[in-house]
Amino acid sequence: RVLTDDSQLKTLNKQKENVQKLLQCGIPIKVNNHEGIMHL
């Protein structure tokens, strides 16, 4: 399972490409839906 930051998906193309690859491997991804960032 992978948690990542929503703002990074929106601003970094490589982040979005890599998350898409994880999804293609069947890996569930969740992103923050709150005001702050998922900085872990």
PDB file of all heavy atoms in Angstrom:
ATOM      1  N   ARG A   1       0.858  -1.181   0.000  1.00  0.00           N
ATOM      2  CA  ARG A   1       0.000   0.000   0.000  1.00  0.00           C
ATOM      3  C   ARG A   1       0.897   1.236   0.000  1.00  0.00           C
ATOM      4  O   ARG A   1       1.923   1.250   0.686  1.00  0.00           O
ATOM      5  CB  ARG A   1      -0.891   0.050   1.242  1.00  0.00           C
ATOM      6  CG  ARG A   1      -1.784  -1.161   1.402  1.00  0.00           C
ATOM      7  CD  ARG A   1      -2.673  -1.056   2.620  1.00  0.00           C
ATOM      8  NE  ARG A   1      -1.894  -1.085   3.860  1.00  0.00           N
ATOM      9  CZ  ARG A   1      -2.416  -0.953   5.076  1.00  0.00           C
ATOM     10  NH1 ARG A   1      -3.711  -0.755   5.230  1.00  0.00           N
ATOM     11  NH2 ARG A   1      -1.655  -0.993   6.148  1.00  0.00           N
ATOM     12  N   VAL A   2       0.489   2.251  -0.753  1.00  0.00           N
ATOM     13  CA  VAL A   2       1.300   3.470  -0.847  1.00  0.00           C
ATOM     14  C   VAL A   2       0.442   4.693  -0.574  1.00  0.00           C
ATOM     15  O   VAL A   2      -0.622   4.860  -1.174  1.00  0.00           O
ATOM     16  CB  VAL A   2       1.961   3.595  -2.241  1.00  0.00           C
ATOM     17  CG1 VAL A   2       2.714   4.915  -2.374  1.00  0.00           C
ATOM     18  CG2 VAL A   2       2.901   2.416  -2.503  1.00  0.00           C
ATOM     19  N   LEU A   3       0.926   5.537   0.343  1.00  0.00           N
ATOM     20  CA  LEU A   3       0.372   6.866   0.571  1.00  0.00           C
ATOM     21  C   LEU A   3       1.351   7.878  -0.008  1.00  0.00           C
ATOM     22  O   LEU A   3       2.559   7.751   0.191  1.00  0.00           O
ATOM     23  CB  LEU A   3       0.246   7.169   2.071  1.00  0.00           C
ATOM     24  CG  LEU A   3      -0.793   6.449   2.899  1.00  0.00           C
ATOM     25  CD1 LEU A   3      -0.628   6.826   4.370  1.00  0.00           C
ATOM     26  CD2 LEU A   3      -2.190   6.797   2.432  1.00  0.00           C
ATOM     27  N   THR A   4       0.847   8.865  -0.728  1.00  0.00           N
ATOM     28  CA  THR A   4       1.719   9.917  -1.230  1.00  0.00           C
ATOM     29  C   THR A   4       0.970  11.238  -1.242  1.00  0.00           C
ATOM     30  O   THR A   4      -0.210  11.301  -0.906  1.00  0.00           O
ATOM     31  CB  THR A   4       2.309   9.553  -2.616  1.00  0.00           C
ATOM     32  OG1 THR A   4       3.395  10.444  -2.912  1.00  0.00           O
ATOM     33  CG2 THR A   4       1.274   9.600  -3.707  1.00  0.00           C
ATOM     34  N   ASP A   5       1.664  12.284  -1.637  1.00  0.00           N
ATOM     35  CA  ASP A   5       1.116  13.627  -1.560  1.00  0.00           C
ATOM     36  C   ASP A   5       0.414  14.026  -2.846  1.00  0.00           C
ATOM     37  O   ASP A   5       0.984  13.930  -3.936  1.00  0.00           O
ATOM     38  CB  ASP A   5       2.235  14.627  -1.251  1.00  0.00           C
ATOM     39  CG  ASP A   5       1.701  16.016  -1.056  1.00  0.00           C
ATOM     40  OD1 ASP A   5       1.001  16.234  -0.045  1.00  0.00           O
ATOM     41  OD2 ASP A   5       1.953  16.878  -1.919  1.00  0.00           O
ATOM     42  N   ASP A   6      -0.802  14.494  -2.712  1.00  0.00           N
ATOM     43  CA  ASP A   6      -1.616  14.895  -3.855  1.00  0.00           C
ATOM     44  C   ASP A   6      -0.987  16.057  -4.641  1.00  0.00           C
ATOM     45  O   ASP A   6      -0.981  16.059  -5.869  1.00  0.00           O
ATOM     46  CB  ASP A   6      -3.022  15.275  -3.385  1.00  0.00           C
ATOM     47  CG  ASP A   6      -3.963  15.540  -4.533  1.00  0.00           C
ATOM     48  OD1 ASP A   6      -4.124  14.645  -5.376  1.00  0.00           O
ATOM     49  OD2 ASP A   6      -4.534  16.646  -4.583  1.00  0.00           O
ATOM     50  N   SER A   7      -0.424  17.023  -3.935  1.00  0.00           N
ATOM     51  CA  SER A   7       0.156  18.176  -4.630  1.00  0.00           C
ATOM     52  C   SER A   7       1.353  17.779  -5.478  1.00  0.00           C
ATOM     53  O   SER A   7       1.587  18.365  -6.544  1.00  0.00           O
ATOM     54  CB  SER A   7       0.549  19.271  -3.634  1.00  0.00           C
ATOM     55  OG  SER A   7       1.602  18.844  -2.794  1.00  0.00           O
ATOM     56  N   GLN A   8       2.114  16.778  -5.038  1.00  0.00           N
ATOM     57  CA  GLN A   8       3.265  16.323  -5.827  1.00  0.00           C
ATOM     58  C   GLN A   8       2.801  15.608  -7.096  1.00  0.00           C
ATOM     59  O   GLN A   8       3.447  15.699  -8.138  1.00  0.00           O
ATOM     60  CB  GLN A   8       4.171  15.419  -4.992  1.00  0.00           C
ATOM     61  CG  GLN A   8       4.774  16.105  -3.776  1.00  0.00           C
ATOM     62  CD  GLN A   8       5.488  17.385  -4.130  1.00  0.00           C
ATOM     63  OE1 GLN A   8       6.381  17.407  -4.975  1.00  0.00           O
ATOM     64  NE2 GLN A   8       5.092  18.477  -3.498  1.00  0.00           N
ATOM     65  N   LEU A   9       1.684  14.903  -7.018  1.00  0.00           N
ATOM     66  CA  LEU A   9       1.127  14.266  -8.215  1.00  0.00           C
ATOM     67  C   LEU A   9       0.674  15.301  -9.247  1.00  0.00           C
ATOM     68  O   LEU A   9       0.747  15.063 -10.447  1.00  0.00           O
ATOM     69  CB  LEU A   9      -0.061  13.379  -7.852  1.00  0.00           C
ATOM     70  CG  LEU A   9       0.292  12.009  -7.309  1.00  0.00           C
ATOM     71  CD1 LEU A   9      -0.937  11.348  -6.708  1.00  0.00           C
ATOM     72  CD2 LEU A   9       0.895  11.145  -8.375  1.00  0.00           C
ATOM     73  N   LYS A  10       0.226  16.428  -8.757  1.00  0.00           N
ATOM     74  CA  LYS A  10      -0.258  17.471  -9.652  1.00  0.00           C
ATOM     75  C   LYS A  10       0.867  18.308 -10.257  1.00  0.00           C
ATOM     76  O   LYS A  10       0.683  18.910 -11.309  1.00  0.00           O
ATOM     77  CB  LYS A  10      -1.231  18.384  -8.904  1.00  0.00           C
ATOM     78  CG  LYS A  10      -2.527  17.683  -8.538  1.00  0.00           C
ATOM     79  CD  LYS A  10      -3.414  18.574  -7.698  1.00  0.00           C
ATOM     80  CE  LYS A  10      -4.695  17.834  -7.325  1.00  0.00           C
ATOM     81  NZ  LYS A  10      -5.490  18.571  -6.347  1.00  0.00           N
ATOM     82  N   THR A  11       2.019  18.348  -9.591  1.00  0.00           N
ATOM     83  CA  THR A  11       3.090  19.234 -10.059  1.00  0.00           C
ATOM     84  C   THR A  11       4.300  18.518 -10.649  1.00  0.00           C
ATOM     85  O   THR A  11       5.048  19.127 -11.408  1.00  0.00           O
ATOM     86  CB  THR A  11       3.573  20.156  -8.919  1.00  0.00           C
ATOM     87  OG1 THR A  11       4.046  19.360  -7.834  1.00  0.00           O
ATOM     88  CG2 THR A  11       2.457  21.074  -8.453  1.00  0.00           C
ATOM     89  N   LEU A  12       4.518  17.258 -10.298  1.00  0.00           N
ATOM     90  CA  LEU A  12       5.692  16.531 -10.786  1.00  0.00           C
ATOM     91  C   LEU A  12       5.263  15.425 -11.755  1.00  0.00           C
ATOM     92  O   LEU A  12       4.665  14.432 -11.336  1.00  0.00           O
ATOM     93  CB  LEU A  12       6.474  15.904  -9.624  1.00  0.00           C
ATOM     94  CG  LEU A  12       7.083  16.869  -8.611  1.00  0.00           C
ATOM     95  CD1 LEU A  12       7.697  16.103  -7.454  1.00  0.00           C
ATOM     96  CD2 LEU A  12       8.129  17.765  -9.280  1.00  0.00           C
ATOM     97  N   ASN A  13       5.570  15.596 -13.019  1.00  0.00           N
ATOM     98  CA  ASN A  13       5.193  14.591 -14.016  1.00  0.00           C
ATOM     99  C   ASN A  13       5.786  13.230 -13.706  1.00  0.00           C
ATOM    100  O   ASN A  13       5.129  12.203 -13.879  1.00  0.00           O
ATOM    101  CB  ASN A  13       5.607  15.043 -15.427  1.00  0.00           C
ATOM    102  CG  ASN A  13       4.728  16.159 -15.945  1.00  0.00           C
ATOM    103  OD1 ASN A  13       3.562  16.282 -15.562  1.00  0.00           O
ATOM    104  ND2 ASN A  13       5.283  16.979 -16.810  1.00  0.00           N
ATOM    105  N   LYS A  14       7.034  13.196 -13.256  1.00  0.00           N
ATOM    106  CA  LYS A  14       7.684  11.911 -12.950  1.00  0.00           C
ATOM    107  C   LYS A  14       6.975  11.212 -11.785  1.00  0.00           C
ATOM    108  O   LYS A  14       6.847   9.994 -11.771  1.00  0.00           O
ATOM    109  CB  LYS A  14       9.170  12.136 -12.648  1.00  0.00           C
ATOM    110  CG  LYS A  14       9.954  10.863 -12.561  1.00  0.00           C
ATOM    111  CD  LYS A  14       9.963  10.125 -13.879  1.00  0.00           C
ATOM    112  CE  LYS A  14      10.825   8.893 -13.795  1.00  0.00           C
ATOM    113  NZ  LYS A  14      10.709   8.041 -14.963  1.00  0.00           N
ATOM    114  N   GLN A  15       6.506  11.988 -10.822  1.00  0.00           N
ATOM    115  CA  GLN A  15       5.743  11.406  -9.706  1.00  0.00           C
ATOM    116  C   GLN A  15       4.472  10.750 -10.240  1.00  0.00           C
ATOM    117  O   GLN A  15       4.145   9.614  -9.892  1.00  0.00           O
ATOM    118  CB  GLN A  15       5.393  12.499  -8.691  1.00  0.00           C
ATOM    119  CG  GLN A  15       4.501  12.021  -7.563  1.00  0.00           C
ATOM    120  CD  GLN A  15       5.225  11.916  -6.254  1.00  0.00           C
ATOM    121  OE1 GLN A  15       6.434  12.024  -6.185  1.00  0.00           O
ATOM    122  NE2 GLN A  15       4.470  11.692  -5.198  1.00  0.00           N
ATOM    123  N   LYS A  16       3.768  11.461 -11.099  1.00  0.00           N
ATOM    124  CA  LYS A  16       2.529  10.925 -11.661  1.00  0.00           C
ATOM    125  C   LYS A  16       2.805   9.670 -12.490  1.00  0.00           C
ATOM    126  O   LYS A  16       2.089   8.668 -12.373  1.00  0.00           O
ATOM    127  CB  LYS A  16       1.828  11.986 -12.517  1.00  0.00           C
ATOM    128  CG  LYS A  16       0.455  11.586 -12.969  1.00  0.00           C
ATOM    129  CD  LYS A  16      -0.259  12.740 -13.627  1.00  0.00           C
ATOM    130  CE  LYS A  16      -1.696  12.346 -13.929  1.00  0.00           C
ATOM    131  NZ  LYS A  16      -2.479  13.468 -14.430  1.00  0.00           N
ATOM    132  N   GLU A  17       3.854   9.684 -13.308  1.00  0.00           N
ATOM    133  CA  GLU A  17       4.226   8.505 -14.108  1.00  0.00           C
ATOM    134  C   GLU A  17       4.533   7.310 -13.212  1.00  0.00           C
ATOM    135  O   GLU A  17       4.094   6.186 -13.491  1.00  0.00           O
ATOM    136  CB  GLU A  17       5.449   8.812 -14.971  1.00  0.00           C
ATOM    137  CG  GLU A  17       5.210   9.768 -16.108  1.00  0.00           C
ATOM    138  CD  GLU A  17       6.511  10.194 -16.782  1.00  0.00           C
ATOM    139  OE1 GLU A  17       7.535   9.482 -16.649  1.00  0.00           O
ATOM    140  OE2 GLU A  17       6.514  11.245 -17.442  1.00  0.00           O
ATOM    141  N   ASN A  18       5.287   7.536 -12.145  1.00  0.00           N
ATOM    142  CA  ASN A  18       5.656   6.434 -11.251  1.00  0.00           C
ATOM    143  C   ASN A  18       4.458   5.883 -10.497  1.00  0.00           C
ATOM    144  O   ASN A  18       4.331   4.670 -10.306  1.00  0.00           O
ATOM    145  CB  ASN A  18       6.760   6.871 -10.295  1.00  0.00           C
ATOM    146  CG  ASN A  18       8.116   6.916 -10.959  1.00  0.00           C
ATOM    147  OD1 ASN A  18       8.339   6.283 -11.998  1.00  0.00           O
ATOM    148  ND2 ASN A  18       9.036   7.663 -10.386  1.00  0.00           N
ATOM    149  N   VAL A  19       3.554   6.759 -10.089  1.00  0.00           N
ATOM    150  CA  VAL A  19       2.343   6.291  -9.406  1.00  0.00           C
ATOM    151  C   VAL A  19       1.481   5.488 -10.381  1.00  0.00           C
ATOM    152  O   VAL A  19       0.907   4.460 -10.007  1.00  0.00           O
ATOM    153  CB  VAL A  19       1.594   7.481  -8.769  1.00  0.00           C
ATOM    154  CG1 VAL A  19       0.188   7.089  -8.358  1.00  0.00           C
ATOM    155  CG2 VAL A  19       2.379   7.996  -7.570  1.00  0.00           C
ATOM    156  N   GLN A  20       1.409   5.922 -11.625  1.00  0.00           N
ATOM    157  CA  GLN A  20       0.660   5.158 -12.635  1.00  0.00           C
ATOM    158  C   GLN A  20       1.267   3.761 -12.807  1.00  0.00           C
ATOM    159  O   GLN A  20       0.536   2.775 -12.953  1.00  0.00           O
ATOM    160  CB  GLN A  20       0.630   5.902 -13.978  1.00  0.00           C
ATOM    161  CG  GLN A  20      -0.213   7.162 -13.968  1.00  0.00           C
ATOM    162  CD  GLN A  20      -1.678   6.912 -13.667  1.00  0.00           C
ATOM    163  OE1 GLN A  20      -2.240   5.877 -13.987  1.00  0.00           O
ATOM    164  NE2 GLN A  20      -2.307   7.877 -13.024  1.00  0.00           N
ATOM    165  N   LYS A  21       2.588   3.669 -12.794  1.00  0.00           N
ATOM    166  CA  LYS A  21       3.242   2.359 -12.909  1.00  0.00           C
ATOM    167  C   LYS A  21       2.893   1.463 -11.717  1.00  0.00           C
ATOM    168  O   LYS A  21       2.661   0.266 -11.882  1.00  0.00           O
ATOM    169  CB  LYS A  21       4.759   2.529 -13.015  1.00  0.00           C
ATOM    170  CG  LYS A  21       5.202   3.104 -14.344  1.00  0.00           C
ATOM    171  CD  LYS A  21       6.698   3.362 -14.368  1.00  0.00           C
ATOM    172  CE  LYS A  21       7.085   4.069 -15.661  1.00  0.00           C
ATOM    173  NZ  LYS A  21       8.505   4.455 -15.675  1.00  0.00           N
ATOM    174  N   LEU A  22       2.851   2.053 -10.528  1.00  0.00           N
ATOM    175  CA  LEU A  22       2.460   1.274  -9.350  1.00  0.00           C
ATOM    176  C   LEU A  22       1.017   0.786  -9.486  1.00  0.00           C
ATOM    177  O   LEU A  22       0.717  -0.367  -9.172  1.00  0.00           O
ATOM    178  CB  LEU A  22       2.630   2.103  -8.080  1.00  0.00           C
ATOM    179  CG  LEU A  22       4.064   2.447  -7.674  1.00  0.00           C
ATOM    180  CD1 LEU A  22       4.071   3.416  -6.500  1.00  0.00           C
ATOM    181  CD2 LEU A  22       4.857   1.190  -7.346  1.00  0.00           C
ATOM    182  N   LEU A  23       0.141   1.652  -9.970  1.00  0.00           N
ATOM    183  CA  LEU A  23      -1.247   1.241 -10.195  1.00  0.00           C
ATOM    184  C   LEU A  23      -1.324   0.104 -11.210  1.00  0.00           C
ATOM    185  O   LEU A  23      -2.097  -0.838 -11.036  1.00  0.00           O
ATOM    186  CB  LEU A  23      -2.086   2.429 -10.668  1.00  0.00           C
ATOM    187  CG  LEU A  23      -2.424   3.487  -9.622  1.00  0.00           C
ATOM    188  CD1 LEU A  23      -3.040   4.715 -10.278  1.00  0.00           C
ATOM    189  CD2 LEU A  23      -3.350   2.929  -8.556  1.00  0.00           C
ATOM    190  N   GLN A  24      -0.526   0.181 -12.257  1.00  0.00           N
ATOM    191  CA  GLN A  24      -0.504  -0.878 -13.265  1.00  0.00           C
ATOM    192  C   GLN A  24      -0.027  -2.201 -12.678  1.00  0.00           C
ATOM    193  O   GLN A  24      -0.387  -3.262 -13.179  1.00  0.00           O
ATOM    194  CB  GLN A  24       0.379  -0.466 -14.445  1.00  0.00           C
ATOM    195  CG  GLN A  24      -0.227   0.637 -15.280  1.00  0.00           C
ATOM    196  CD  GLN A  24       0.748   1.235 -16.283  1.00  0.00           C
ATOM    197  OE1 GLN A  24       1.904   0.851 -16.354  1.00  0.00           O
ATOM    198  NE2 GLN A  24       0.266   2.190 -17.059  1.00  0.00           N
ATOM    199  N   CYS A  25       0.754  -2.138 -11.607  1.00  0.00           N
ATOM    200  CA  CYS A  25       1.183  -3.355 -10.902  1.00  0.00           C
ATOM    201  C   CYS A  25       0.121  -3.833  -9.915  1.00  0.00           C
ATOM    202  O   CYS A  25       0.339  -4.818  -9.208  1.00  0.00           O
ATOM    203  CB  CYS A  25       2.495  -3.091 -10.161  1.00  0.00           C
ATOM    204  SG  CYS A  25       3.913  -2.872 -11.244  1.00  0.00           S
ATOM    205  N   GLY A  26      -1.000  -3.131  -9.851  1.00  0.00           N
ATOM    206  CA  GLY A  26      -2.086  -3.523  -8.951  1.00  0.00           C
ATOM    207  C   GLY A  26      -1.927  -3.013  -7.536  1.00  0.00           C
ATOM    208  O   GLY A  26      -2.578  -3.508  -6.619  1.00  0.00           O
ATOM    209  N   ILE A  27      -1.078  -2.035  -7.340  1.00  0.00           N
ATOM    210  CA  ILE A  27      -0.805  -1.505  -6.004  1.00  0.00           C
ATOM    211  C   ILE A  27      -1.767  -0.361  -5.703  1.00  0.00           C
ATOM    212  O   ILE A  27      -1.856   0.594  -6.472  1.00  0.00           O
ATOM    213  CB  ILE A  27       0.661  -1.039  -5.899  1.00  0.00           C
ATOM    214  CG1 ILE A  27       1.587  -2.248  -6.078  1.00  0.00           C
ATOM    215  CG2 ILE A  27       0.925  -0.337  -4.576  1.00  0.00           C
ATOM    216  CD1 ILE A  27       3.043  -1.904  -6.261  1.00  0.00           C
ATOM    217  N   PRO A  28      -2.499  -0.448  -4.594  1.00  0.00           N
ATOM    218  CA  PRO A  28      -3.408   0.644  -4.239  1.00  0.00           C
ATOM    219  C   PRO A  28      -2.628   1.873  -3.761  1.00  0.00           C
ATOM    220  O   PRO A  28      -1.653   1.756  -3.025  1.00  0.00           O
ATOM    221  CB  PRO A  28      -4.269   0.058  -3.125  1.00  0.00           C
ATOM    222  CG  PRO A  28      -3.452  -1.036  -2.541  1.00  0.00           C
ATOM    223  CD  PRO A  28      -2.572  -1.554  -3.648  1.00  0.00           C
ATOM    224  N   ILE A  29      -3.100   3.023  -4.202  1.00  0.00           N
ATOM    225  CA  ILE A  29      -2.475   4.302  -3.861  1.00  0.00           C
ATOM    226  C   ILE A  29      -3.533   5.190  -3.236  1.00  0.00           C
ATOM    227  O   ILE A  29      -4.661   5.279  -3.737  1.00  0.00           O
ATOM    228  CB  ILE A  29      -1.942   5.024  -5.124  1.00  0.00           C
ATOM    229  CG1 ILE A  29      -1.073   4.114  -5.992  1.00  0.00           C
ATOM    230  CG2 ILE A  29      -1.234   6.327  -4.753  1.00  0.00           C
ATOM    231  CD1 ILE A  29       0.254   3.756  -5.437  1.00  0.00           C
ATOM    232  N   LYS A  30      -3.165   5.869  -2.172  1.00  0.00           N
ATOM    233  CA  LYS A  30      -4.037   6.895  -1.597  1.00  0.00           C
ATOM    234  C   LYS A  30      -3.228   8.183  -1.465  1.00  0.00           C
ATOM    235  O   LYS A  30      -2.016   8.155  -1.245  1.00  0.00           O
ATOM    236  CB  LYS A  30      -4.597   6.466  -0.247  1.00  0.00           C
ATOM    237  CG  LYS A  30      -5.614   5.336  -0.392  1.00  0.00           C
ATOM    238  CD  LYS A  30      -6.510   5.221   0.797  1.00  0.00           C
ATOM    239  CE  LYS A  30      -7.572   4.158   0.535  1.00  0.00           C
ATOM    240  NZ  LYS A  30      -8.518   4.071   1.638  1.00  0.00           N
ATOM    241  N   VAL A  31      -3.944   9.301  -1.621  1.00  0.00           N
ATOM    242  CA  VAL A  31      -3.331  10.613  -1.494  1.00  0.00           C
ATOM    243  C   VAL A  31      -4.086  11.426  -0.460  1.00  0.00           C
ATOM    244  O   VAL A  31      -5.263  11.160  -0.188  1.00  0.00           O
ATOM    245  CB  VAL A  31      -3.301  11.366  -2.849  1.00  0.00           C
ATOM    246  CG1 VAL A  31      -2.423  10.644  -3.855  1.00  0.00           C
ATOM    247  CG2 VAL A  31      -4.700  11.557  -3.407  1.00  0.00           C
ATOM    248  N   ASN A  32      -3.403  12.409   0.085  1.00  0.00           N
ATOM    249  CA  ASN A  32      -4.040  13.259   1.088  1.00  0.00           C
ATOM    250  C   ASN A  32      -5.153  14.084   0.455  1.00  0.00           C
ATOM    251  O   ASN A  32      -5.070  14.508  -0.688  1.00  0.00           O
ATOM    252  CB  ASN A  32      -3.014  14.156   1.763  1.00  0.00           C
ATOM    253  CG  ASN A  32      -2.243  15.009   0.779  1.00  0.00           C
ATOM    254  OD1 ASN A  32      -1.646  14.488  -0.158  1.00  0.00           O
ATOM    255  ND2 ASN A  32      -2.252  16.307   0.982  1.00  0.00           N
ATOM    256  N   ASN A  33      -6.186  14.276   1.257  1.00  0.00           N
ATOM    257  CA  ASN A  33      -7.360  15.041   0.842  1.00  0.00           C
ATOM    258  C   ASN A  33      -7.612  16.153   1.856  1.00  0.00           C
ATOM    259  O   ASN A  33      -8.706  16.651   1.974  1.00  0.00           O
ATOM    260  CB  ASN A  33      -8.569  14.087   0.768  1.00  0.00           C
ATOM    261  CG  ASN A  33      -9.724  14.678   0.020  1.00  0.00           C
ATOM    262  OD1 ASN A  33      -9.551  15.431  -0.916  1.00  0.00           O
ATOM    263  ND2 ASN A  33     -10.933  14.333   0.452  1.00  0.00           N
ATOM    264  N   HIS A  34      -6.561  16.494   2.599  1.00  0.00           N
ATOM    265  CA  HIS A  34      -6.690  17.520   3.633  1.00  0.00           C
ATOM    266  C   HIS A  34      -5.884  18.755   3.239  1.00  0.00           C
ATOM    267  O   HIS A  34      -5.173  18.760   2.234  1.00  0.00           O
ATOM    268  CB  HIS A  34      -6.261  16.986   5.005  1.00  0.00           C
ATOM    269  CG  HIS A  34      -4.892  16.373   5.034  1.00  0.00           C
ATOM    270  ND1 HIS A  34      -3.733  17.127   5.015  1.00  0.00           N
ATOM    271  CD2 HIS A  34      -4.493  15.083   5.073  1.00  0.00           C
ATOM    272  CE1 HIS A  34      -2.687  16.330   5.060  1.00  0.00           C
ATOM    273  NE2 HIS A  34      -3.118  15.085   5.094  1.00  0.00           N
ATOM    274  N   GLU A  35      -5.985  19.774   4.020  1.00  0.00           N
ATOM    275  CA  GLU A  35      -5.389  21.071   3.697  1.00  0.00           C
ATOM    276  C   GLU A  35      -3.862  21.025   3.661  1.00  0.00           C
ATOM    277  O   GLU A  35      -3.230  21.726   2.885  1.00  0.00           O
ATOM    278  CB  GLU A  35      -5.857  22.096   4.732  1.00  0.00           C
ATOM    279  CG  GLU A  35      -5.457  23.503   4.417  1.00  0.00           C
ATOM    280  CD  GLU A  35      -6.030  24.473   5.425  1.00  0.00           C
ATOM    281  OE1 GLU A  35      -7.247  24.416   5.676  1.00  0.00           O
ATOM    282  OE2 GLU A  35      -5.261  25.277   5.951  1.00  0.00           O
ATOM    283  N   GLY A  36      -3.252  20.211   4.487  1.00  0.00           N
ATOM    284  CA  GLY A  36      -1.796  20.149   4.545  1.00  0.00           C
ATOM    285  C   GLY A  36      -1.227  19.208   3.494  1.00  0.00           C
ATOM    286  O   GLY A  36      -1.908  18.819   2.545  1.00  0.00           O
ATOM    287  N   ILE A  37       0.034  18.856   3.674  1.00  0.00           N
ATOM    288  CA  ILE A  37       0.687  17.931   2.763  1.00  0.00           C
ATOM    289  C   ILE A  37       0.916  16.596   3.455  1.00  0.00           C
ATOM    290  O   ILE A  37       0.949  16.516   4.675  1.00  0.00           O
ATOM    291  CB  ILE A  37       2.031  18.501   2.229  1.00  0.00           C
ATOM    292  CG1 ILE A  37       2.992  18.820   3.378  1.00  0.00           C
ATOM    293  CG2 ILE A  37       1.788  19.723   1.366  1.00  0.00           C
ATOM    294  CD1 ILE A  37       4.366  19.289   2.938  1.00  0.00           C
ATOM    295  N   MET A  38       1.037  15.524   2.676  1.00  0.00           N
ATOM    296  CA  MET A  38       1.393  14.207   3.206  1.00  0.00           C
ATOM    297  C   MET A  38       2.926  14.160   3.129  1.00  0.00           C
ATOM    298  O   MET A  38       3.489  13.816   2.107  1.00  0.00           O
ATOM    299  CB  MET A  38       0.745  13.096   2.360  1.00  0.00           C
ATOM    300  CG  MET A  38       0.654  11.732   3.045  1.00  0.00           C
ATOM    301  SD  MET A  38       2.159  10.984   3.711  1.00  0.00           S
ATOM    302  CE  MET A  38       3.176  10.809   2.264  1.00  0.00           C
ATOM    303  N   HIS A  39       3.571  14.565   4.187  1.00  0.00           N
ATOM    304  CA  HIS A  39       5.017  14.797   4.189  1.00  0.00           C
ATOM    305  C   HIS A  39       5.812  13.656   4.804  1.00  0.00           C
ATOM    306  O   HIS A  39       7.028  13.763   4.986  1.00  0.00           O
ATOM    307  CB  HIS A  39       5.308  16.114   4.933  1.00  0.00           C
ATOM    308  CG  HIS A  39       6.586  16.733   4.549  1.00  0.00           C
ATOM    309  ND1 HIS A  39       7.659  16.815   5.403  1.00  0.00           N
ATOM    310  CD2 HIS A  39       6.986  17.294   3.382  1.00  0.00           C
ATOM    311  CE1 HIS A  39       8.656  17.406   4.794  1.00  0.00           C
ATOM    312  NE2 HIS A  39       8.278  17.709   3.560  1.00  0.00           N
ATOM    313  N   LEU A  40       5.176  12.552   5.109  1.00  0.00           N
ATOM    314  CA  LEU A  40       5.883  11.417   5.697  1.00  0.00           C
ATOM    315  C   LEU A  40       6.866  10.809   4.707  1.00  0.00           C
ATOM    316  O   LEU A  40       6.653  10.837   3.499  1.00  0.00           O
ATOM    317  CB  LEU A  40       4.890  10.340   6.136  1.00  0.00           C
ATOM    318  CG  LEU A  40       3.912  10.737   7.236  1.00  0.00           C
ATOM    319  CD1 LEU A  40       2.868   9.648   7.413  1.00  0.00           C
ATOM    320  CD2 LEU A  40       4.645  11.007   8.526  1.00  0.00           C
TER     321      LEU A  40
END
